[in-house]
Structures are given as structure tokens and as C-alpha cells.
Amino acid sequence: MSATAKIAMLGAAALLLTGCFNDSDNSGNSPDPAVDFTAFVKAQFARTSATAEPASVNNVDLSFNDQNNPQAFDDLLQ
């Protein structure tokens, strides 16, 4: 077998094996489920004060479930 054929076979094997590995974390440290954006914002408004610590939003997955609700924040912004 020629060197070119061996290199081609190794490259094909590496490409095929790439699909066998995934990036999921099975160690029990899976990310938290998505946080409802409307509930999050309303909670921030409720705890707002001059001395309140900012909410940490790093690594928080927010989901906006009120996309079709134009009155979602009406009770806050009147």
C-alpha cells in the first residue's frame, strides 16, 4: 500500500471518528434550565433598591416565553 493511500485512509478514519465524540457533559454538571425572562425581569424590579447587588447573568440561559404578549411588562412600566 502506498504512503498516499495510508494517509488518505488515516484521514478518512479520523474524520469518521470525529462524529463519535460529543461535547456533552455527563458529570452531573449540566447547565441549569432556561430562566423565563419575564419572571427574571419582574423579580429584578421587585428587589430594586439603591443598595441592591446587580444580578449575575453570566452563564444564565434566558428564554422569552412572552413573544406574542405585548402586555408582558405593562404592570411594571405604567
Protein backbone atom coordinates (compact mmCIF):
# COMPACT_ATOMS: atom_id res chain seq x y z
CA MET A 1 0.00 0.00 0.00
CA SER A 2 1.43 3.39 -0.93
CA ALA A 3 2.07 6.17 1.55
CA THR A 4 -0.59 8.32 -0.10
CA ALA A 5 -3.22 5.61 0.35
CA LYS A 6 -2.25 5.16 4.01
CA ILE A 7 -2.51 8.88 4.68
CA ALA A 8 -5.87 9.03 2.91
CA MET A 9 -7.18 6.10 4.95
CA LEU A 10 -5.95 7.64 8.21
CA GLY A 11 -7.59 10.95 7.31
CA ALA A 12 -10.88 9.22 6.49
CA ALA A 13 -10.76 7.21 9.73
CA ALA A 14 -10.08 10.37 11.74
CA LEU A 15 -12.97 12.15 10.05
CA LEU A 16 -15.35 9.27 10.74
CA LEU A 17 -14.28 9.01 14.39
CA THR A 18 -14.87 12.72 14.92
CA GLY A 19 -18.61 12.05 14.77
CA CYS A 20 -18.31 9.53 17.62
CA PHE A 21 -17.42 12.15 20.19
CA ASN A 22 -19.71 14.81 21.53
CA ASP A 23 -19.30 17.74 23.77
CA SER A 24 -21.97 16.89 26.34
CA ASP A 25 -21.06 16.88 29.99
CA ASN A 26 -22.30 13.72 31.70
CA SER A 27 -20.63 14.52 35.01
CA GLY A 28 -23.83 15.86 36.57
CA ASN A 29 -22.78 19.46 36.00
CA SER A 30 -25.27 20.11 33.24
CA PRO A 31 -26.35 23.71 32.77
CA ASP A 32 -29.44 24.97 34.52
CA PRO A 33 -32.64 25.01 32.53
CA ALA A 34 -33.57 28.24 30.80
CA VAL A 35 -34.83 31.03 33.05
CA ASP A 36 -38.06 32.75 32.00
CA PHE A 37 -37.04 36.30 31.02
CA THR A 38 -40.33 37.90 32.06
CA ALA A 39 -40.17 36.34 35.53
CA PHE A 40 -36.49 37.32 35.83
CA VAL A 41 -37.15 40.97 34.94
CA LYS A 42 -40.13 41.19 37.29
CA ALA A 43 -38.03 39.74 40.12
CA GLN A 44 -35.32 42.33 39.44
CA PHE A 45 -37.85 45.17 39.55
CA ALA A 46 -39.21 43.81 42.85
CA ARG A 47 -35.78 43.77 44.51
CA THR A 48 -34.52 47.08 43.11
CA SER A 49 -33.05 49.49 45.62
CA ALA A 50 -30.14 51.87 45.84
CA THR A 51 -28.05 49.23 47.65
CA ALA A 52 -29.11 46.05 45.81
CA GLU A 53 -26.35 43.97 44.27
CA PRO A 54 -26.57 43.54 40.50
CA ALA A 55 -27.96 40.21 39.33
CA SER A 56 -25.40 37.89 37.84
CA VAL A 57 -26.49 36.92 34.34
CA ASN A 58 -23.27 35.28 33.19
CA ASN A 59 -23.94 31.71 32.08
CA VAL A 60 -27.70 32.19 32.51
CA ASP A 61 -29.79 30.94 29.62
CA LEU A 62 -32.82 33.23 29.38
CA SER A 63 -35.89 32.27 27.39
CA PHE A 64 -38.52 34.79 26.35
CA ASN A 65 -41.83 32.99 26.50
CA ASP A 66 -43.98 36.11 26.06
CA GLN A 67 -43.05 36.85 22.46
CA ASN A 68 -46.68 37.20 21.45
CA ASN A 69 -47.72 39.12 24.56
CA PRO A 70 -47.27 42.87 24.07
CA GLN A 71 -48.61 43.47 27.60
CA ALA A 72 -45.98 41.26 29.29
CA PHE A 73 -44.42 44.20 31.15
CA ASP A 74 -47.39 46.56 31.37
CA ASP A 75 -47.72 46.05 35.11
CA LEU A 76 -44.10 47.23 35.57
CA LEU A 77 -43.95 50.19 33.22
CA GLN A 78 -47.03 52.30 33.97
